[in-house]
């Protein structure tokens, strides 16, 4: 559980850094999307200790939304890093699913 929360918070930090980088590169649309994703990821990380079915499935949904569209777009090194980080977070979440689904 601690690893999963850490990975979510790490993703929040990465998204904020990428969002700031997008702002400096004059891509405000992408920055807003990244900041929005960071807020949703922070919501997931904040509520994970409650161990509810809703937060489990919502977190899986958010991670899937981060992984799937990235694969079907132009794919570079930053995309690979982002997909692998989301995938590692998803695996960590699925491994601890019994803590959520037994509630």
Protein backbone atom coordinates (compact mmCIF):
# COMPACT_ATOMS: atom_id res chain seq x y z
CA UNK A 1 0.00 0.00 0.00
CA UNK A 2 2.80 2.45 0.86
CA UNK A 3 4.53 1.76 -2.44
CA UNK A 4 1.31 2.35 -4.35
CA UNK A 5 0.71 5.68 -2.61
CA UNK A 6 4.33 6.68 -3.19
CA UNK A 7 4.00 5.90 -6.90
CA UNK A 8 0.82 7.97 -7.14
CA UNK A 9 2.49 10.93 -5.40
CA UNK A 10 5.57 10.49 -7.60
CA UNK A 11 3.30 10.61 -10.66
CA UNK A 12 1.78 13.83 -9.32
CA UNK A 13 5.26 15.36 -9.07
CA UNK A 14 6.20 14.17 -12.57
CA UNK A 15 2.99 15.57 -14.05
CA UNK A 16 3.52 18.93 -12.35
CA UNK A 17 7.09 19.12 -13.67
CA UNK A 18 5.95 18.15 -17.18
CA UNK A 19 3.10 20.67 -16.90
CA UNK A 20 5.48 23.47 -15.96
CA UNK A 21 7.75 22.43 -18.81
CA UNK A 22 4.80 22.58 -21.20
CA UNK A 23 3.96 26.07 -20.00
CA UNK A 24 7.51 27.25 -20.66
CA UNK A 25 7.41 25.59 -24.08
CA UNK A 26 4.22 27.54 -24.88
CA UNK A 27 1.89 24.53 -24.82
CA UNK A 28 -0.78 25.72 -22.37
CA UNK A 29 -3.36 23.13 -23.50
CA UNK A 30 -1.04 20.24 -22.60
CA UNK A 31 -0.07 21.95 -19.35
CA UNK A 32 -3.72 22.20 -18.28
CA UNK A 33 -4.26 18.52 -19.08
CA UNK A 34 -1.17 17.55 -17.08
CA UNK A 35 -2.16 19.69 -14.11
CA UNK A 36 -5.67 18.21 -14.24
CA UNK A 37 -4.25 14.70 -14.33
CA UNK A 38 -2.01 15.58 -11.39
CA UNK A 39 -5.06 16.70 -9.39
CA UNK A 40 -6.90 13.45 -10.15
CA UNK A 41 -3.81 11.38 -9.26
CA UNK A 42 -3.45 13.34 -6.00
CA UNK A 43 -7.12 12.60 -5.25
CA UNK A 44 -6.40 8.89 -5.72
CA UNK A 45 -3.26 8.99 -3.57
CA UNK A 46 -5.05 10.93 -0.83
CA UNK A 47 -7.98 8.52 -0.68
CA UNK A 48 -6.11 5.20 -1.06
CA UNK A 49 -5.78 4.70 2.72
CA UNK A 50 -9.59 4.56 2.97
CA UNK A 51 -9.36 1.25 1.08
CA UNK A 52 -12.76 1.44 -0.59
CA UNK A 53 -13.85 -0.38 -3.71
CA UNK A 54 -14.67 2.94 -5.33
CA UNK A 55 -11.17 4.37 -4.94
CA UNK A 56 -9.65 1.10 -6.15
CA UNK A 57 -11.71 1.01 -9.35
CA UNK A 58 -11.42 4.76 -9.86
CA UNK A 59 -7.62 4.53 -9.54
CA UNK A 60 -7.48 1.63 -12.01
CA UNK A 61 -9.63 3.68 -14.40
CA UNK A 62 -7.36 6.73 -14.08
CA UNK A 63 -4.23 4.68 -14.67
CA UNK A 64 -5.81 2.98 -17.70
CA UNK A 65 -6.73 6.40 -19.09
CA UNK A 66 -3.10 7.44 -18.68
CA UNK A 67 -1.69 4.30 -20.33
CA UNK A 68 -3.98 3.53 -23.27
CA UNK A 69 -4.04 6.89 -25.13
CA UNK A 70 -0.27 7.29 -24.75
CA UNK A 71 0.33 4.06 -26.66
CA UNK A 72 -1.72 5.25 -29.65
CA UNK A 73 0.03 8.61 -30.03
CA UNK A 74 3.49 9.61 -31.18
CA UNK A 75 5.74 7.64 -28.88
CA UNK A 76 9.01 8.98 -27.51
CA UNK A 77 11.25 8.51 -24.51
CA UNK A 78 9.09 10.70 -22.25
CA UNK A 79 6.04 8.66 -23.28
CA UNK A 80 7.85 5.42 -22.48
CA UNK A 81 8.79 6.76 -19.03
CA UNK A 82 5.20 7.89 -18.43
CA UNK A 83 3.66 4.57 -19.54
CA UNK A 84 6.11 2.50 -17.49
CA UNK A 85 5.51 4.60 -14.39
CA UNK A 86 1.74 4.32 -14.79
CA UNK A 87 2.04 0.60 -15.46
CA UNK A 88 4.20 0.09 -12.34
CA UNK A 89 1.61 1.99 -10.31
CA UNK A 90 -1.18 -0.14 -11.78
CA UNK A 91 0.68 -3.36 -10.98
CA UNK A 92 1.30 -2.17 -7.42
CA UNK A 93 -2.39 -1.34 -7.06
CA UNK A 94 -3.54 -4.68 -8.45
CA UNK A 95 -1.16 -6.58 -6.16
CA UNK A 96 -2.82 -4.91 -3.14
CA UNK A 97 -6.38 -5.32 -4.49
CA UNK A 98 -7.43 -7.68 -1.68
CA UNK A 99 -7.07 -4.79 0.76
CA UNK A 100 -9.65 -2.85 -1.26
CA UNK A 101 -12.03 -5.51 -2.47
CA UNK A 102 -12.50 -7.22 0.89
CA UNK A 103 -14.02 -4.01 2.31
